[in-house]
Amino acid sequence: MLYYSMIIKEEKATWIPATGEFLNHGWLDLGGKDNIWIIMDIHSYDDYGVTIDTFHIEKNGERKDIYSYDEGLTFTYDVY
């Protein structure tokens, strides 16, 4: 049986969950000065025991996606 392993570039990112007074999903600190992004939406996909979470983030009108394969513990821009 042949097994494949993937090497995924891990980004320095920390999920900051929202508190009850905020109506969003929290924030994502991508490291560096003033580099905190608002999490606009989170989508999860689970198939064959593998989960991928897509975080739609926004800062100063710029939007992008970042992904997690371990429920928000680590993040990457790579999708496989």
N, C-alpha and C. Protein backbone atom coordinates (compact mmCIF):
# COMPACT_ATOMS: atom_id res chain seq x y z
N MET A 1 0.85 -1.17 0.00
CA MET A 1 0.00 0.00 0.00
C MET A 1 0.90 1.24 0.00
N LEU A 2 0.56 2.19 -0.81
CA LEU A 2 1.34 3.41 -0.97
C LEU A 2 0.66 4.55 -0.22
N TYR A 3 1.41 5.23 0.61
CA TYR A 3 0.88 6.36 1.36
C TYR A 3 1.56 7.64 0.89
N TYR A 4 0.81 8.68 0.78
CA TYR A 4 1.34 9.98 0.41
C TYR A 4 1.29 10.90 1.62
N SER A 5 2.30 11.70 1.77
CA SER A 5 2.25 12.72 2.81
C SER A 5 2.41 14.07 2.14
N MET A 6 1.78 15.06 2.69
CA MET A 6 1.89 16.38 2.10
C MET A 6 2.62 17.31 3.07
N ILE A 7 3.38 18.17 2.49
CA ILE A 7 4.06 19.19 3.26
C ILE A 7 3.33 20.50 3.00
N ILE A 8 2.80 21.05 4.05
CA ILE A 8 2.01 22.27 3.93
C ILE A 8 2.76 23.38 4.67
N LYS A 9 2.91 24.51 3.99
CA LYS A 9 3.56 25.65 4.62
C LYS A 9 2.63 26.23 5.67
N GLU A 10 3.08 26.23 6.90
CA GLU A 10 2.30 26.72 8.01
C GLU A 10 2.55 28.22 8.18
N GLU A 11 1.48 28.98 8.31
CA GLU A 11 1.58 30.43 8.51
C GLU A 11 1.53 30.75 9.99
N LYS A 12 2.18 31.84 10.37
CA LYS A 12 2.11 32.30 11.75
C LYS A 12 0.79 33.03 11.92
N ALA A 13 -0.18 32.37 12.51
CA ALA A 13 -1.51 32.95 12.68
C ALA A 13 -2.12 32.43 13.97
N THR A 14 -2.84 33.30 14.65
CA THR A 14 -3.50 32.94 15.89
C THR A 14 -4.95 33.38 15.82
N TRP A 15 -5.87 32.45 16.09
CA TRP A 15 -7.29 32.74 16.10
C TRP A 15 -7.65 33.39 17.43
N ILE A 16 -8.29 34.55 17.37
CA ILE A 16 -8.77 35.24 18.56
C ILE A 16 -10.29 35.16 18.52
N PRO A 17 -10.90 34.27 19.32
CA PRO A 17 -12.36 34.11 19.28
C PRO A 17 -13.09 35.38 19.72
N ALA A 18 -14.28 35.56 19.19
CA ALA A 18 -15.11 36.72 19.56
C ALA A 18 -15.70 36.51 20.95
N THR A 19 -15.97 37.62 21.60
CA THR A 19 -16.66 37.56 22.88
C THR A 19 -18.14 37.84 22.62
N GLY A 20 -18.97 37.69 23.62
CA GLY A 20 -20.41 37.85 23.46
C GLY A 20 -20.86 39.21 22.96
N GLU A 21 -20.05 40.24 23.16
CA GLU A 21 -20.47 41.59 22.77
C GLU A 21 -20.25 41.87 21.28
N PHE A 22 -19.51 41.01 20.58
CA PHE A 22 -19.24 41.22 19.16
C PHE A 22 -20.04 40.24 18.32
N LEU A 23 -20.48 40.68 17.15
CA LEU A 23 -21.31 39.84 16.29
C LEU A 23 -20.52 39.27 15.12
N ASN A 24 -19.28 38.93 15.33
CA ASN A 24 -18.48 38.33 14.26
C ASN A 24 -17.91 37.01 14.75
N HIS A 25 -17.05 36.40 13.95
CA HIS A 25 -16.45 35.11 14.30
C HIS A 25 -15.12 35.26 15.01
N GLY A 26 -14.72 36.48 15.26
CA GLY A 26 -13.46 36.73 15.92
C GLY A 26 -12.47 37.38 14.96
N TRP A 27 -11.21 37.22 15.29
CA TRP A 27 -10.15 37.84 14.53
C TRP A 27 -9.04 36.83 14.29
N LEU A 28 -8.18 37.12 13.33
CA LEU A 28 -7.02 36.29 13.05
C LEU A 28 -5.80 37.20 13.08
N ASP A 29 -4.90 36.92 14.01
CA ASP A 29 -3.65 37.67 14.12
C ASP A 29 -2.63 36.98 13.24
N LEU A 30 -2.23 37.64 12.14
CA LEU A 30 -1.27 37.06 11.20
C LEU A 30 0.17 37.46 11.53
N GLY A 31 0.39 37.97 12.72
CA GLY A 31 1.73 38.34 13.15
C GLY A 31 2.14 39.70 12.63
N GLY A 32 3.10 40.28 13.28
CA GLY A 32 3.55 41.60 12.86
C GLY A 32 2.68 42.69 13.45
N LYS A 33 3.15 43.92 13.27
CA LYS A 33 2.44 45.06 13.83
C LYS A 33 1.18 45.37 13.02
N ASP A 34 0.08 45.56 13.70
CA ASP A 34 -1.20 45.92 13.07
C ASP A 34 -1.62 44.95 11.98
N ASN A 35 -1.50 43.68 12.22
CA ASN A 35 -1.85 42.67 11.21
C ASN A 35 -2.95 41.75 11.73
N ILE A 36 -4.00 42.36 12.28
CA ILE A 36 -5.14 41.60 12.79
C ILE A 36 -6.29 41.75 11.80
N TRP A 37 -6.81 40.62 11.34
CA TRP A 37 -7.86 40.56 10.32
C TRP A 37 -9.16 40.12 10.98
N ILE A 38 -10.29 40.64 10.50
CA ILE A 38 -11.61 40.24 10.99
C ILE A 38 -12.03 38.97 10.24
N ILE A 39 -12.50 37.98 10.97
CA ILE A 39 -13.02 36.76 10.35
C ILE A 39 -14.47 37.03 9.97
N MET A 40 -14.72 37.12 8.67
CA MET A 40 -16.06 37.44 8.18
C MET A 40 -16.96 36.20 8.13
N ASP A 41 -16.36 35.04 7.85
CA ASP A 41 -17.15 33.82 7.72
C ASP A 41 -16.22 32.62 7.84
N ILE A 42 -16.77 31.51 8.28
CA ILE A 42 -16.02 30.25 8.39
C ILE A 42 -16.86 29.16 7.76
N HIS A 43 -16.24 28.40 6.87
CA HIS A 43 -16.91 27.25 6.25
C HIS A 43 -16.10 26.01 6.56
N SER A 44 -16.77 24.95 6.94
CA SER A 44 -16.10 23.68 7.22
C SER A 44 -16.55 22.62 6.23
N TYR A 45 -15.61 21.78 5.83
CA TYR A 45 -15.90 20.67 4.93
C TYR A 45 -15.25 19.43 5.52
N ASP A 46 -16.02 18.38 5.67
CA ASP A 46 -15.54 17.15 6.28
C ASP A 46 -15.88 15.99 5.35
N ASP A 47 -14.84 15.24 4.97
CA ASP A 47 -15.05 14.10 4.08
C ASP A 47 -13.99 13.05 4.36
N TYR A 48 -14.38 11.83 4.54
CA TYR A 48 -13.47 10.72 4.79
C TYR A 48 -12.54 10.99 5.96
N GLY A 49 -13.05 11.60 7.00
CA GLY A 49 -12.27 11.82 8.20
C GLY A 49 -11.30 12.99 8.14
N VAL A 50 -11.32 13.76 7.09
CA VAL A 50 -10.45 14.93 6.96
C VAL A 50 -11.32 16.18 6.94
N THR A 51 -10.98 17.12 7.79
CA THR A 51 -11.73 18.36 7.85
C THR A 51 -10.85 19.51 7.37
N ILE A 52 -11.43 20.39 6.58
CA ILE A 52 -10.76 21.63 6.19
C ILE A 52 -11.70 22.77 6.51
N ASP A 53 -11.17 23.77 7.21
CA ASP A 53 -11.94 24.96 7.55
C ASP A 53 -11.42 26.12 6.71
N THR A 54 -12.32 26.83 6.06
CA THR A 54 -11.97 28.00 5.27
C THR A 54 -12.39 29.23 6.04
N PHE A 55 -11.44 30.10 6.32
CA PHE A 55 -11.70 31.35 7.02
C PHE A 55 -11.65 32.48 6.00
N HIS A 56 -12.76 33.18 5.82
CA HIS A 56 -12.80 34.35 4.96
C HIS A 56 -12.47 35.54 5.85
N ILE A 57 -11.35 36.20 5.57
CA ILE A 57 -10.89 37.29 6.44
C ILE A 57 -10.82 38.60 5.65
N GLU A 58 -10.89 39.71 6.40
CA GLU A 58 -10.90 41.02 5.77
C GLU A 58 -10.19 42.04 6.65
N LYS A 59 -9.48 42.95 5.98
CA LYS A 59 -8.82 44.06 6.67
C LYS A 59 -8.69 45.22 5.70
N ASN A 60 -9.17 46.39 6.08
CA ASN A 60 -9.08 47.61 5.27
C ASN A 60 -9.58 47.40 3.84
N GLY A 61 -10.67 46.68 3.69
CA GLY A 61 -11.27 46.45 2.38
C GLY A 61 -10.64 45.32 1.58
N GLU A 62 -9.52 44.78 2.04
CA GLU A 62 -8.89 43.65 1.35
C GLU A 62 -9.45 42.35 1.94
N ARG A 63 -9.77 41.41 1.06
CA ARG A 63 -10.31 40.12 1.50
C ARG A 63 -9.42 39.00 1.00
N LYS A 64 -9.31 37.94 1.81
CA LYS A 64 -8.59 36.75 1.38
C LYS A 64 -9.07 35.56 2.21
N ASP A 65 -8.66 34.38 1.78
CA ASP A 65 -9.01 33.14 2.47
C ASP A 65 -7.75 32.51 3.04
N ILE A 66 -7.91 31.90 4.20
CA ILE A 66 -6.84 31.12 4.82
C ILE A 66 -7.49 29.85 5.34
N TYR A 67 -6.74 28.76 5.40
CA TYR A 67 -7.32 27.44 5.66
C TYR A 67 -6.68 26.79 6.88
N SER A 68 -7.45 25.92 7.52
CA SER A 68 -6.96 25.14 8.65
C SER A 68 -7.39 23.69 8.48
N TYR A 69 -6.45 22.78 8.68
CA TYR A 69 -6.74 21.35 8.61
C TYR A 69 -6.88 20.73 10.00
N ASP A 70 -6.75 21.55 11.04
CA ASP A 70 -6.82 21.03 12.41
C ASP A 70 -7.67 21.91 13.32
N GLU A 71 -8.80 22.35 12.79
CA GLU A 71 -9.81 23.10 13.53
C GLU A 71 -9.28 24.39 14.15
N GLY A 72 -8.44 25.11 13.41
CA GLY A 72 -7.99 26.42 13.84
C GLY A 72 -6.74 26.46 14.69
N LEU A 73 -6.06 25.32 14.83
CA LEU A 73 -4.81 25.34 15.60
C LEU A 73 -3.66 25.89 14.76
N THR A 74 -3.61 25.51 13.48
CA THR A 74 -2.60 26.02 12.56
C THR A 74 -3.31 26.46 11.28
N PHE A 75 -2.64 27.33 10.53
CA PHE A 75 -3.24 27.90 9.32
C PHE A 75 -2.27 27.83 8.15
N THR A 76 -2.85 27.83 6.93
CA THR A 76 -2.06 27.80 5.71
C THR A 76 -2.84 28.48 4.60
N TYR A 77 -2.13 28.96 3.58
CA TYR A 77 -2.78 29.48 2.39
C TYR A 77 -2.88 28.39 1.32
N ASP A 78 -2.28 27.22 1.60
CA ASP A 78 -2.25 26.12 0.63
C ASP A 78 -3.46 25.20 0.81
N VAL A 79 -4.05 24.80 -0.31
CA VAL A 79 -5.18 23.87 -0.29
C VAL A 79 -4.83 22.68 -1.15
N TYR A 80 -5.05 21.48 -0.63
CA TYR A 80 -4.76 20.25 -1.38
C TYR A 80 -5.99 19.38 -1.41
